[in-house]
Amino acid sequence: MSTAYTIVTLVTAFLTGSAAVFYLIGHEYPKSQADMKRIPRRYVPVLGSLLAAGTAGLLTGFAVPPIGTAAAVGLVLYFSGALVAHLRVGSRNLLGWAIFFVTVVTDLAVNLLHLH
């Protein structure tokens, strides 16, 4: 197992897992983000569950690499949807999104390299 794969996956899992916790505990930040993007608040726990599933998949990838790759793909799709949600309402505050997106795309890249 390469060091880059391990580090990138752990950093990505930490970021997405932390976000999942904030979504699932009912923290105000995800709620305000949902309001800003005009997403019904009832979807906040669903989004948190998707983040948690992606995080679990990344960590499972240490034992079963194809699951980690599938989770990375899912997270790239999740954050692609987040970009669409931002742009749909005219939000240009994309720094947080960019950090997550670059991280999950990097994780997908190292996952794919790790498989071969």
PDB file of N, CA and C in Angstrom:
ATOM      1  N   MET A   1       0.859  -1.179   0.000  1.00  0.00           N
ATOM      2  CA  MET A   1       0.000   0.000   0.000  1.00  0.00           C
ATOM      3  C   MET A   1       0.898   1.231   0.000  1.00  0.00           C
ATOM      4  N   SER A   2       0.618   2.134  -0.908  1.00  0.00           N
ATOM      5  CA  SER A   2       1.479   3.303  -1.015  1.00  0.00           C
ATOM      6  C   SER A   2       1.173   4.323   0.081  1.00  0.00           C
ATOM      7  N   THR A   3       2.186   5.069   0.419  1.00  0.00           N
ATOM      8  CA  THR A   3       2.036   6.104   1.434  1.00  0.00           C
ATOM      9  C   THR A   3       1.067   7.188   0.964  1.00  0.00           C
ATOM     10  N   ALA A   4       1.168   7.577  -0.312  1.00  0.00           N
ATOM     11  CA  ALA A   4       0.272   8.617  -0.842  1.00  0.00           C
ATOM     12  C   ALA A   4      -1.183   8.158  -0.752  1.00  0.00           C
ATOM     13  N   TYR A   5      -1.444   6.919  -1.125  1.00  0.00           N
ATOM     14  CA  TYR A   5      -2.806   6.379  -1.049  1.00  0.00           C
ATOM     15  C   TYR A   5      -3.324   6.447   0.384  1.00  0.00           C
ATOM     16  N   THR A   6      -2.505   6.025   1.316  1.00  0.00           N
ATOM     17  CA  THR A   6      -2.917   6.013   2.720  1.00  0.00           C
ATOM     18  C   THR A   6      -3.198   7.423   3.236  1.00  0.00           C
ATOM     19  N   ILE A   7      -2.282   8.342   2.982  1.00  0.00           N
ATOM     20  CA  ILE A   7      -2.436   9.712   3.495  1.00  0.00           C
ATOM     21  C   ILE A   7      -3.633  10.402   2.860  1.00  0.00           C
ATOM     22  N   VAL A   8      -3.740  10.335   1.541  1.00  0.00           N
ATOM     23  CA  VAL A   8      -4.847  11.021   0.856  1.00  0.00           C
ATOM     24  C   VAL A   8      -6.184  10.440   1.298  1.00  0.00           C
ATOM     25  N   THR A   9      -6.255   9.127   1.420  1.00  0.00           N
ATOM     26  CA  THR A   9      -7.519   8.508   1.826  1.00  0.00           C
ATOM     27  C   THR A   9      -7.882   8.882   3.259  1.00  0.00           C
ATOM     28  N   LEU A  10      -6.911   8.907   4.150  1.00  0.00           N
ATOM     29  CA  LEU A  10      -7.213   9.287   5.535  1.00  0.00           C
ATOM     30  C   LEU A  10      -7.633  10.749   5.646  1.00  0.00           C
ATOM     31  N   VAL A  11      -6.981  11.629   4.900  1.00  0.00           N
ATOM     32  CA  VAL A  11      -7.364  13.046   4.919  1.00  0.00           C
ATOM     33  C   VAL A  11      -8.767  13.213   4.346  1.00  0.00           C
ATOM     34  N   THR A  12      -9.049  12.552   3.228  1.00  0.00           N
ATOM     35  CA  THR A  12     -10.379  12.643   2.621  1.00  0.00           C
ATOM     36  C   THR A  12     -11.440  12.093   3.554  1.00  0.00           C
ATOM     37  N   ALA A  13     -11.157  10.951   4.174  1.00  0.00           N
ATOM     38  CA  ALA A  13     -12.114  10.352   5.107  1.00  0.00           C
ATOM     39  C   ALA A  13     -12.351  11.266   6.307  1.00  0.00           C
ATOM     40  N   PHE A  14     -11.303  11.920   6.777  1.00  0.00           N
ATOM     41  CA  PHE A  14     -11.467  12.848   7.888  1.00  0.00           C
ATOM     42  C   PHE A  14     -12.379  14.014   7.496  1.00  0.00           C
ATOM     43  N   LEU A  15     -12.122  14.609   6.332  1.00  0.00           N
ATOM     44  CA  LEU A  15     -12.932  15.755   5.898  1.00  0.00           C
ATOM     45  C   LEU A  15     -14.384  15.359   5.651  1.00  0.00           C
ATOM     46  N   THR A  16     -14.600  14.311   4.885  1.00  0.00           N
ATOM     47  CA  THR A  16     -15.977  13.921   4.575  1.00  0.00           C
ATOM     48  C   THR A  16     -16.682  13.370   5.809  1.00  0.00           C
ATOM     49  N   GLY A  17     -15.943  12.673   6.660  1.00  0.00           N
ATOM     50  CA  GLY A  17     -16.539  12.160   7.899  1.00  0.00           C
ATOM     51  C   GLY A  17     -16.931  13.278   8.843  1.00  0.00           C
ATOM     52  N   SER A  18     -16.080  14.296   8.933  1.00  0.00           N
ATOM     53  CA  SER A  18     -16.412  15.453   9.775  1.00  0.00           C
ATOM     54  C   SER A  18     -17.650  16.162   9.260  1.00  0.00           C
ATOM     55  N   ALA A  19     -17.722  16.345   7.948  1.00  0.00           N
ATOM     56  CA  ALA A  19     -18.901  16.981   7.362  1.00  0.00           C
ATOM     57  C   ALA A  19     -20.142  16.141   7.634  1.00  0.00           C
ATOM     58  N   ALA A  20     -20.017  14.824   7.509  1.00  0.00           N
ATOM     59  CA  ALA A  20     -21.153  13.932   7.768  1.00  0.00           C
ATOM     60  C   ALA A  20     -21.662  14.110   9.193  1.00  0.00           C
ATOM     61  N   VAL A  21     -20.755  14.189  10.137  1.00  0.00           N
ATOM     62  CA  VAL A  21     -21.155  14.364  11.539  1.00  0.00           C
ATOM     63  C   VAL A  21     -21.930  15.666  11.707  1.00  0.00           C
ATOM     64  N   PHE A  22     -21.420  16.757  11.125  1.00  0.00           N
ATOM     65  CA  PHE A  22     -22.115  18.041  11.241  1.00  0.00           C
ATOM     66  C   PHE A  22     -23.516  17.972  10.635  1.00  0.00           C
ATOM     67  N   TYR A  23     -23.640  17.281   9.521  1.00  0.00           N
ATOM     68  CA  TYR A  23     -24.957  17.134   8.893  1.00  0.00           C
ATOM     69  C   TYR A  23     -25.878  16.283   9.757  1.00  0.00           C
ATOM     70  N   LEU A  24     -25.352  15.227  10.338  1.00  0.00           N
ATOM     71  CA  LEU A  24     -26.192  14.272  11.059  1.00  0.00           C
ATOM     72  C   LEU A  24     -26.565  14.716  12.471  1.00  0.00           C
ATOM     73  N   ILE A  25     -25.755  15.586  13.091  1.00  0.00           N
ATOM     74  CA  ILE A  25     -26.095  16.025  14.449  1.00  0.00           C
ATOM     75  C   ILE A  25     -27.023  17.238  14.447  1.00  0.00           C
ATOM     76  N   GLY A  26     -27.326  17.742  13.256  1.00  0.00           N
ATOM     77  CA  GLY A  26     -28.237  18.883  13.179  1.00  0.00           C
ATOM     78  C   GLY A  26     -27.562  20.216  13.423  1.00  0.00           C
ATOM     79  N   HIS A  27     -26.277  20.304  13.157  1.00  0.00           N
ATOM     80  CA  HIS A  27     -25.553  21.567  13.309  1.00  0.00           C
ATOM     81  C   HIS A  27     -26.180  22.633  12.410  1.00  0.00           C
ATOM     82  N   GLU A  28     -26.085  23.863  12.822  1.00  0.00           N
ATOM     83  CA  GLU A  28     -26.731  24.961  12.103  1.00  0.00           C
ATOM     84  C   GLU A  28     -26.103  25.232  10.734  1.00  0.00           C
ATOM     85  N   TYR A  29     -24.802  25.012  10.580  1.00  0.00           N
ATOM     86  CA  TYR A  29     -24.146  25.343   9.306  1.00  0.00           C
ATOM     87  C   TYR A  29     -24.746  24.588   8.120  1.00  0.00           C
ATOM     88  N   PRO A  30     -24.887  23.255   8.190  1.00  0.00           N
ATOM     89  CA  PRO A  30     -25.509  22.571   7.042  1.00  0.00           C
ATOM     90  C   PRO A  30     -26.941  23.035   6.779  1.00  0.00           C
ATOM     91  N   LYS A  31     -27.654  23.367   7.833  1.00  0.00           N
ATOM     92  CA  LYS A  31     -29.023  23.866   7.656  1.00  0.00           C
ATOM     93  C   LYS A  31     -29.019  25.205   6.914  1.00  0.00           C
ATOM     94  N   SER A  32     -28.114  26.090   7.300  1.00  0.00           N
ATOM     95  CA  SER A  32     -28.059  27.398   6.637  1.00  0.00           C
ATOM     96  C   SER A  32     -27.603  27.240   5.184  1.00  0.00           C
ATOM     97  N   GLN A  33     -26.713  26.287   4.937  1.00  0.00           N
ATOM     98  CA  GLN A  33     -26.295  26.025   3.560  1.00  0.00           C
ATOM     99  C   GLN A  33     -27.458  25.488   2.729  1.00  0.00           C
ATOM    100  N   ALA A  34     -28.239  24.596   3.320  1.00  0.00           N
ATOM    101  CA  ALA A  34     -29.424  24.071   2.620  1.00  0.00           C
ATOM    102  C   ALA A  34     -30.396  25.202   2.314  1.00  0.00           C
ATOM    103  N   ASP A  35     -30.601  26.088   3.280  1.00  0.00           N
ATOM    104  CA  ASP A  35     -31.502  27.231   3.064  1.00  0.00           C
ATOM    105  C   ASP A  35     -30.994  28.110   1.919  1.00  0.00           C
ATOM    106  N   MET A  36     -29.705  28.388   1.930  1.00  0.00           N
ATOM    107  CA  MET A  36     -29.111  29.249   0.907  1.00  0.00           C
ATOM    108  C   MET A  36     -29.261  28.614  -0.477  1.00  0.00           C
ATOM    109  N   LYS A  37     -29.135  27.290  -0.553  1.00  0.00           N
ATOM    110  CA  LYS A  37     -29.227  26.595  -1.844  1.00  0.00           C
ATOM    111  C   LYS A  37     -30.662  26.184  -2.180  1.00  0.00           C
ATOM    112  N   ARG A  38     -31.581  26.597  -1.305  1.00  0.00           N
ATOM    113  CA  ARG A  38     -32.998  26.274  -1.481  1.00  0.00           C
ATOM    114  C   ARG A  38     -33.244  24.768  -1.561  1.00  0.00           C
ATOM    115  N   ILE A  39     -32.561  24.050  -0.682  1.00  0.00           N
ATOM    116  CA  ILE A  39     -32.760  22.606  -0.540  1.00  0.00           C
ATOM    117  C   ILE A  39     -33.558  22.405   0.741  1.00  0.00           C
ATOM    118  N   PRO A  40     -34.646  21.652   0.692  1.00  0.00           N
ATOM    119  CA  PRO A  40     -35.437  21.445   1.908  1.00  0.00           C
ATOM    120  C   PRO A  40     -34.581  20.842   3.029  1.00  0.00           C
ATOM    121  N   ARG A  41     -34.762  21.349   4.237  1.00  0.00           N
ATOM    122  CA  ARG A  41     -33.967  20.882   5.374  1.00  0.00           C
ATOM    123  C   ARG A  41     -34.134  19.394   5.647  1.00  0.00           C
ATOM    124  N   ARG A  42     -35.232  18.805   5.201  1.00  0.00           N
ATOM    125  CA  ARG A  42     -35.426  17.380   5.443  1.00  0.00           C
ATOM    126  C   ARG A  42     -34.380  16.538   4.700  1.00  0.00           C
ATOM    127  N   TYR A  43     -33.692  17.139   3.729  1.00  0.00           N
ATOM    128  CA  TYR A  43     -32.655  16.428   2.990  1.00  0.00           C
ATOM    129  C   TYR A  43     -31.284  16.502   3.665  1.00  0.00           C
ATOM    130  N   VAL A  44     -31.142  17.350   4.650  1.00  0.00           N
ATOM    131  CA  VAL A  44     -29.846  17.490   5.321  1.00  0.00           C
ATOM    132  C   VAL A  44     -29.374  16.150   5.907  1.00  0.00           C
ATOM    133  N   PRO A  45     -30.206  15.397   6.641  1.00  0.00           N
ATOM    134  CA  PRO A  45     -29.734  14.095   7.133  1.00  0.00           C
ATOM    135  C   PRO A  45     -29.437  13.098   6.006  1.00  0.00           C
ATOM    136  N   VAL A  46     -30.155  13.197   4.918  1.00  0.00           N
ATOM    137  CA  VAL A  46     -29.885  12.318   3.770  1.00  0.00           C
ATOM    138  C   VAL A  46     -28.504  12.632   3.198  1.00  0.00           C
ATOM    139  N   LEU A  47     -28.213  13.912   3.042  1.00  0.00           N
ATOM    140  CA  LEU A  47     -26.897  14.315   2.547  1.00  0.00           C
ATOM    141  C   LEU A  47     -25.798  13.876   3.512  1.00  0.00           C
ATOM    142  N   GLY A  48     -26.052  14.000   4.812  1.00  0.00           N
ATOM    143  CA  GLY A  48     -25.092  13.536   5.810  1.00  0.00           C
ATOM    144  C   GLY A  48     -24.881  12.035   5.726  1.00  0.00           C
ATOM    145  N   SER A  49     -25.947  11.306   5.477  1.00  0.00           N
ATOM    146  CA  SER A  49     -25.830   9.848   5.341  1.00  0.00           C
ATOM    147  C   SER A  49     -25.015   9.472   4.110  1.00  0.00           C
ATOM    148  N   LEU A  50     -25.192  10.212   3.028  1.00  0.00           N
ATOM    149  CA  LEU A  50     -24.388   9.957   1.830  1.00  0.00           C
ATOM    150  C   LEU A  50     -22.914  10.218   2.096  1.00  0.00           C
ATOM    151  N   LEU A  51     -22.630  11.298   2.804  1.00  0.00           N
ATOM    152  CA  LEU A  51     -21.235  11.581   3.171  1.00  0.00           C
ATOM    153  C   LEU A  51     -20.673  10.488   4.076  1.00  0.00           C
ATOM    154  N   ALA A  52     -21.477  10.039   5.032  1.00  0.00           N
ATOM    155  CA  ALA A  52     -21.029   8.983   5.941  1.00  0.00           C
ATOM    156  C   ALA A  52     -20.780   7.678   5.181  1.00  0.00           C
ATOM    157  N   ALA A  53     -21.655   7.359   4.238  1.00  0.00           N
ATOM    158  CA  ALA A  53     -21.470   6.141   3.445  1.00  0.00           C
ATOM    159  C   ALA A  53     -20.203   6.238   2.598  1.00  0.00           C
ATOM    160  N   GLY A  54     -19.967   7.412   2.013  1.00  0.00           N
ATOM    161  CA  GLY A  54     -18.739   7.610   1.246  1.00  0.00           C
ATOM    162  C   GLY A  54     -17.505   7.464   2.104  1.00  0.00           C
ATOM    163  N   THR A  55     -17.564   8.021   3.300  1.00  0.00           N
ATOM    164  CA  THR A  55     -16.436   7.914   4.233  1.00  0.00           C
ATOM    165  C   THR A  55     -16.180   6.459   4.607  1.00  0.00           C
ATOM    166  N   ALA A  56     -17.249   5.744   4.942  1.00  0.00           N
ATOM    167  CA  ALA A  56     -17.105   4.324   5.296  1.00  0.00           C
ATOM    168  C   ALA A  56     -16.545   3.532   4.121  1.00  0.00           C
ATOM    169  N   GLY A  57     -16.995   3.869   2.918  1.00  0.00           N
ATOM    170  CA  GLY A  57     -16.484   3.184   1.735  1.00  0.00           C
ATOM    171  C   GLY A  57     -15.007   3.439   1.506  1.00  0.00           C
ATOM    172  N   LEU A  58     -14.582   4.685   1.708  1.00  0.00           N
ATOM    173  CA  LEU A  58     -13.155   4.990   1.561  1.00  0.00           C
ATOM    174  C   LEU A  58     -12.321   4.157   2.525  1.00  0.00           C
ATOM    175  N   LEU A  59     -12.779   4.077   3.768  1.00  0.00           N
ATOM    176  CA  LEU A  59     -12.026   3.323   4.774  1.00  0.00           C
ATOM    177  C   LEU A  59     -12.080   1.818   4.506  1.00  0.00           C
ATOM    178  N   THR A  60     -13.219   1.341   4.010  1.00  0.00           N
ATOM    179  CA  THR A  60     -13.334  -0.068   3.637  1.00  0.00           C
ATOM    180  C   THR A  60     -12.372  -0.387   2.493  1.00  0.00           C
ATOM    181  N   GLY A  61     -12.086   0.603   1.677  1.00  0.00           N
ATOM    182  CA  GLY A  61     -11.165   0.432   0.560  1.00  0.00           C
ATOM    183  C   GLY A  61      -9.777  -0.008   0.966  1.00  0.00           C
ATOM    184  N   PHE A  62      -9.395   0.207   2.208  1.00  0.00           N
ATOM    185  CA  PHE A  62      -8.095  -0.306   2.654  1.00  0.00           C
ATOM    186  C   PHE A  62      -8.081  -1.832   2.618  1.00  0.00           C
ATOM    187  N   ALA A  63      -9.220  -2.451   2.891  1.00  0.00           N
ATOM    188  CA  ALA A  63      -9.317  -3.911   2.866  1.00  0.00           C
ATOM    189  C   ALA A  63      -9.807  -4.426   1.514  1.00  0.00           C
ATOM    190  N   VAL A  64     -10.717  -3.683   0.885  1.00  0.00           N
ATOM    191  CA  VAL A  64     -11.306  -4.088  -0.396  1.00  0.00           C
ATOM    192  C   VAL A  64     -11.190  -2.891  -1.345  1.00  0.00           C
ATOM    193  N   PRO A  65     -10.069  -2.764  -2.054  1.00  0.00           N
ATOM    194  CA  PRO A  65      -9.804  -1.570  -2.860  1.00  0.00           C
ATOM    195  C   PRO A  65     -10.913  -1.156  -3.833  1.00  0.00           C
ATOM    196  N   PRO A  66     -11.622  -2.065  -4.509  1.00  0.00           N
ATOM    197  CA  PRO A  66     -12.676  -1.601  -5.415  1.00  0.00           C
ATOM    198  C   PRO A  66     -13.802  -0.835  -4.697  1.00  0.00           C
ATOM    199  N   ILE A  67     -14.045  -1.155  -3.436  1.00  0.00           N
ATOM    200  CA  ILE A  67     -15.067  -0.417  -2.674  1.00  0.00           C
ATOM    201  C   ILE A  67     -14.590   1.004  -2.415  1.00  0.00           C
ATOM    202  N   GLY A  68     -13.321   1.159  -2.113  1.00  0.00           N
ATOM    203  CA  GLY A  68     -12.769   2.500  -1.922  1.00  0.00           C
ATOM    204  C   GLY A  68     -12.863   3.336  -3.179  1.00  0.00           C
ATOM    205  N   THR A  69     -12.602   2.716  -4.311  1.00  0.00           N
ATOM    206  CA  THR A  69     -12.703   3.427  -5.586  1.00  0.00           C
ATOM    207  C   THR A  69     -14.149   3.814  -5.866  1.00  0.00           C
ATOM    208  N   ALA A  70     -15.070   2.899  -5.634  1.00  0.00           N
ATOM    209  CA  ALA A  70     -16.496   3.197  -5.844  1.00  0.00           C
ATOM    210  C   ALA A  70     -16.943   4.340  -4.926  1.00  0.00           C
ATOM    211  N   ALA A  71     -16.470   4.336  -3.689  1.00  0.00           N
ATOM    212  CA  ALA A  71     -16.815   5.407  -2.756  1.00  0.00           C
ATOM    213  C   ALA A  71     -16.252   6.741  -3.231  1.00  0.00           C
ATOM    214  N   ALA A  72     -15.027   6.719  -3.740  1.00  0.00           N
ATOM    215  CA  ALA A  72     -14.428   7.956  -4.252  1.00  0.00           C
ATOM    216  C   ALA A  72     -15.229   8.493  -5.440  1.00  0.00           C
ATOM    217  N   VAL A  73     -15.671   7.601  -6.321  1.00  0.00           N
ATOM    218  CA  VAL A  73     -16.507   8.027  -7.450  1.00  0.00           C
ATOM    219  C   VAL A  73     -17.797   8.654  -6.920  1.00  0.00           C
ATOM    220  N   GLY A  74     -18.411   7.999  -5.945  1.00  0.00           N
ATOM    221  CA  GLY A  74     -19.643   8.519  -5.358  1.00  0.00           C
ATOM    222  C   GLY A  74     -19.450   9.899  -4.750  1.00  0.00           C
ATOM    223  N   LEU A  75     -18.330  10.102  -4.083  1.00  0.00           N
ATOM    224  CA  LEU A  75     -18.073  11.411  -3.471  1.00  0.00           C
ATOM    225  C   LEU A  75     -17.797  12.483  -4.523  1.00  0.00           C
ATOM    226  N   VAL A  76     -17.138  12.115  -5.612  1.00  0.00           N
ATOM    227  CA  VAL A  76     -16.942  13.075  -6.709  1.00  0.00           C
ATOM    228  C   VAL A  76     -18.303  13.480  -7.271  1.00  0.00           C
ATOM    229  N   LEU A  77     -19.193  12.518  -7.439  1.00  0.00           N
ATOM    230  CA  LEU A  77     -20.543  12.834  -7.925  1.00  0.00           C
ATOM    231  C   LEU A  77     -21.304  13.698  -6.922  1.00  0.00           C
ATOM    232  N   TYR A  78     -21.163  13.389  -5.630  1.00  0.00           N
ATOM    233  CA  TYR A  78     -21.826  14.159  -4.575  1.00  0.00           C
ATOM    234  C   TYR A  78     -21.403  15.631  -4.656  1.00  0.00           C
ATOM    235  N   PHE A  79     -20.094  15.856  -4.736  1.00  0.00           N
ATOM    236  CA  PHE A  79     -19.617  17.238  -4.748  1.00  0.00           C
ATOM    237  C   PHE A  79     -19.832  17.918  -6.097  1.00  0.00           C
ATOM    238  N   SER A  80     -19.970  17.147  -7.172  1.00  0.00           N
ATOM    239  CA  SER A  80     -20.387  17.734  -8.448  1.00  0.00           C
ATOM    240  C   SER A  80     -21.812  18.260  -8.312  1.00  0.00           C
ATOM    241  N   GLY A  81     -22.663  17.490  -7.643  1.00  0.00           N
ATOM    242  CA  GLY A  81     -24.027  17.944  -7.372  1.00  0.00           C
ATOM    243  C   GLY A  81     -24.043  19.177  -6.488  1.00  0.00           C
ATOM    244  N   ALA A  82     -23.123  19.235  -5.534  1.00  0.00           N
ATOM    245  CA  ALA A  82     -23.041  20.409  -4.662  1.00  0.00           C
ATOM    246  C   ALA A  82     -22.688  21.655  -5.473  1.00  0.00           C
ATOM    247  N   LEU A  83     -21.809  21.499  -6.457  1.00  0.00           N
ATOM    248  CA  LEU A  83     -21.473  22.639  -7.322  1.00  0.00           C
ATOM    249  C   LEU A  83     -22.712  23.103  -8.084  1.00  0.00           C
ATOM    250  N   VAL A  84     -23.453  22.169  -8.613  1.00  0.00           N
ATOM    251  CA  VAL A  84     -24.677  22.517  -9.337  1.00  0.00           C
ATOM    252  C   VAL A  84     -25.637  23.272  -8.414  1.00  0.00           C
ATOM    253  N   ALA A  85     -25.761  22.800  -7.168  1.00  0.00           N
ATOM    254  CA  ALA A  85     -26.647  23.458  -6.201  1.00  0.00           C
ATOM    255  C   ALA A  85     -26.192  24.891  -5.936  1.00  0.00           C
ATOM    256  N   HIS A  86     -24.883  25.100  -5.826  1.00  0.00           N
ATOM    257  CA  HIS A  86     -24.351  26.457  -5.627  1.00  0.00           C
ATOM    258  C   HIS A  86     -24.675  27.348  -6.823  1.00  0.00           C
ATOM    259  N   LEU A  87     -24.358  26.853  -8.009  1.00  0.00           N
ATOM    260  CA  LEU A  87     -24.518  27.668  -9.212  1.00  0.00           C
ATOM    261  C   LEU A  87     -25.982  27.940  -9.525  1.00  0.00           C
ATOM    262  N   ARG A  88     -26.837  26.993  -9.174  1.00  0.00           N
ATOM    263  CA  ARG A  88     -28.280  27.147  -9.435  1.00  0.00           C
ATOM    264  C   ARG A  88     -28.851  28.381  -8.746  1.00  0.00           C
ATOM    265  N   VAL A  89     -28.320  28.706  -7.570  1.00  0.00           N
ATOM    266  CA  VAL A  89     -28.830  29.861  -6.824  1.00  0.00           C
ATOM    267  C   VAL A  89     -27.916  31.084  -6.961  1.00  0.00           C
ATOM    268  N   GLY A  90     -26.917  30.988  -7.819  1.00  0.00           N
ATOM    269  CA  GLY A  90     -26.031  32.122  -8.039  1.00  0.00           C
ATOM    270  C   GLY A  90     -24.946  32.293  -6.995  1.00  0.00           C
ATOM    271  N   SER A  91     -24.721  31.276  -6.166  1.00  0.00           N
ATOM    272  CA  SER A  91     -23.675  31.369  -5.150  1.00  0.00           C
ATOM    273  C   SER A  91     -22.307  31.237  -5.799  1.00  0.00           C
ATOM    274  N   ARG A  92     -21.432  32.137  -5.450  1.00  0.00           N
ATOM    275  CA  ARG A  92     -20.047  32.066  -5.940  1.00  0.00           C
ATOM    276  C   ARG A  92     -19.081  31.833  -4.775  1.00  0.00           C
ATOM    277  N   ASN A  93     -19.612  31.513  -3.624  1.00  0.00           N
ATOM    278  CA  ASN A  93     -18.797  31.209  -2.450  1.00  0.00           C
ATOM    279  C   ASN A  93     -18.417  29.732  -2.522  1.00  0.00           C
ATOM    280  N   LEU A  94     -17.359  29.444  -3.280  1.00  0.00           N
ATOM    281  CA  LEU A  94     -17.034  28.065  -3.621  1.00  0.00           C
ATOM    282  C   LEU A  94     -15.740  27.550  -2.984  1.00  0.00           C
ATOM    283  N   LEU A  95     -15.171  28.304  -2.066  1.00  0.00           N
ATOM    284  CA  LEU A  95     -13.904  27.859  -1.477  1.00  0.00           C
ATOM    285  C   LEU A  95     -14.065  26.523  -0.752  1.00  0.00           C
ATOM    286  N   GLY A  96     -15.059  26.415   0.106  1.00  0.00           N
ATOM    287  CA  GLY A  96     -15.279  25.159   0.827  1.00  0.00           C
ATOM    288  C   GLY A  96     -15.535  24.008  -0.122  1.00  0.00           C
ATOM    289  N   TRP A  97     -16.391  24.266  -1.111  1.00  0.00           N
ATOM    290  CA  TRP A  97     -16.672  23.235  -2.110  1.00  0.00           C
ATOM    291  C   TRP A  97     -15.384  22.809  -2.805  1.00  0.00           C
ATOM    292  N   ALA A  98     -14.554  23.780  -3.207  1.00  0.00           N
ATOM    293  CA  ALA A  98     -13.325  23.474  -3.947  1.00  0.00           C
ATOM    294  C   ALA A  98     -12.378  22.606  -3.127  1.00  0.00           C
ATOM    295  N   ILE A  99     -12.271  22.891  -1.840  1.00  0.00           N
ATOM    296  CA  ILE A  99     -11.392  22.094  -0.977  1.00  0.00           C
ATOM    297  C   ILE A  99     -11.863  20.645  -0.956  1.00  0.00           C
ATOM    298  N   PHE A 100     -13.163  20.444  -0.744  1.00  0.00           N
ATOM    299  CA  PHE A 100     -13.699  19.080  -0.733  1.00  0.00           C
ATOM    300  C   PHE A 100     -13.545  18.418  -2.101  1.00  0.00           C
ATOM    301  N   PHE A 101     -13.865  19.152  -3.162  1.00  0.00           N
ATOM    302  CA  PHE A 101     -13.831  18.562  -4.494  1.00  0.00           C
ATOM    303  C   PHE A 101     -12.416  18.152  -4.883  1.00  0.00           C
ATOM    304  N   VAL A 102     -11.456  19.024  -4.676  1.00  0.00           N
ATOM    305  CA  VAL A 102     -10.064  18.689  -5.006  1.00  0.00           C
ATOM    306  C   VAL A 102      -9.612  17.475  -4.193  1.00  0.00           C
ATOM    307  N   THR A 103     -10.023  17.425  -2.948  1.00  0.00           N
ATOM    308  CA  THR A 103      -9.636  16.296  -2.089  1.00  0.00           C
ATOM    309  C   THR A 103     -10.227  14.983  -2.597  1.00  0.00           C
ATOM    310  N   VAL A 104     -11.527  14.972  -2.930  1.00  0.00           N
ATOM    311  CA  VAL A 104     -12.136  13.708  -3.367  1.00  0.00           C
ATOM    312  C   VAL A 104     -11.650  13.311  -4.760  1.00  0.00           C
ATOM    313  N   VAL A 105     -11.382  14.279  -5.639  1.00  0.00           N
ATOM    314  CA  VAL A 105     -10.832  13.942  -6.958  1.00  0.00           C
ATOM    315  C   VAL A 105      -9.421  13.364  -6.800  1.00  0.00           C
ATOM    316  N   THR A 106      -8.634  13.957  -5.921  1.00  0.00           N
ATOM    317  CA  THR A 106      -7.296  13.422  -5.651  1.00  0.00           C
ATOM    318  C   THR A 106      -7.395  12.016  -5.092  1.00  0.00           C
ATOM    319  N   ASP A 107      -8.352  11.802  -4.190  1.00  0.00           N
ATOM    320  CA  ASP A 107      -8.531  10.468  -3.626  1.00  0.00           C
ATOM    321  C   ASP A 107      -8.917   9.471  -4.715  1.00  0.00           C
ATOM    322  N   LEU A 108      -9.792   9.870  -5.610  1.00  0.00           N
ATOM    323  CA  LEU A 108     -10.159   8.978  -6.716  1.00  0.00           C
ATOM    324  C   LEU A 108      -8.929   8.643  -7.554  1.00  0.00           C
ATOM    325  N   ALA A 109      -8.103   9.629  -7.839  1.00  0.00           N
ATOM    326  CA  ALA A 109      -6.897   9.396  -8.628  1.00  0.00           C
ATOM    327  C   ALA A 109      -5.954   8.407  -7.951  1.00  0.00           C
ATOM    328  N   VAL A 110      -5.706   8.607  -6.657  1.00  0.00           N
ATOM    329  CA  VAL A 110      -4.793   7.671  -5.977  1.00  0.00           C
ATOM    330  C   VAL A 110      -5.422   6.289  -5.831  1.00  0.00           C
ATOM    331  N   ASN A 111      -6.753   6.232  -5.702  1.00  0.00           N
ATOM    332  CA  ASN A 111      -7.432   4.940  -5.670  1.00  0.00           C
ATOM    333  C   ASN A 111      -7.231   4.200  -6.978  1.00  0.00           C
ATOM    334  N   LEU A 112      -7.418   4.894  -8.093  1.00  0.00           N
ATOM    335  CA  LEU A 112      -7.245   4.255  -9.393  1.00  0.00           C
ATOM    336  C   LEU A 112      -5.799   3.810  -9.615  1.00  0.00           C
ATOM    337  N   LEU A 113      -4.857   4.637  -9.214  1.00  0.00           N
ATOM    338  CA  LEU A 113      -3.449   4.244  -9.323  1.00  0.00           C
ATOM    339  C   LEU A 113      -3.127   3.069  -8.409  1.00  0.00           C
ATOM    340  N   HIS A 114      -3.746   3.039  -7.258  1.00  0.00           N
ATOM    341  CA  HIS A 114      -3.500   1.964  -6.293  1.00  0.00           C
ATOM    342  C   HIS A 114      -4.024   0.627  -6.811  1.00  0.00           C
ATOM    343  N   LEU A 115      -5.107   0.647  -7.579  1.00  0.00           N
ATOM    344  CA  LEU A 115      -5.672  -0.592  -8.118  1.00  0.00           C
ATOM    345  C   LEU A 115      -4.782  -1.229  -9.171  1.00  0.00           C
ATOM    346  N   HIS A 116      -3.970  -0.407  -9.831  1.00  0.00           N
ATOM    347  CA  HIS A 116      -3.161  -0.953 -10.936  1.00  0.00           C
ATOM    348  C   HIS A 116      -1.730  -1.132 -10.547  1.00  0.00           C
TER     349      HIS A 116
END
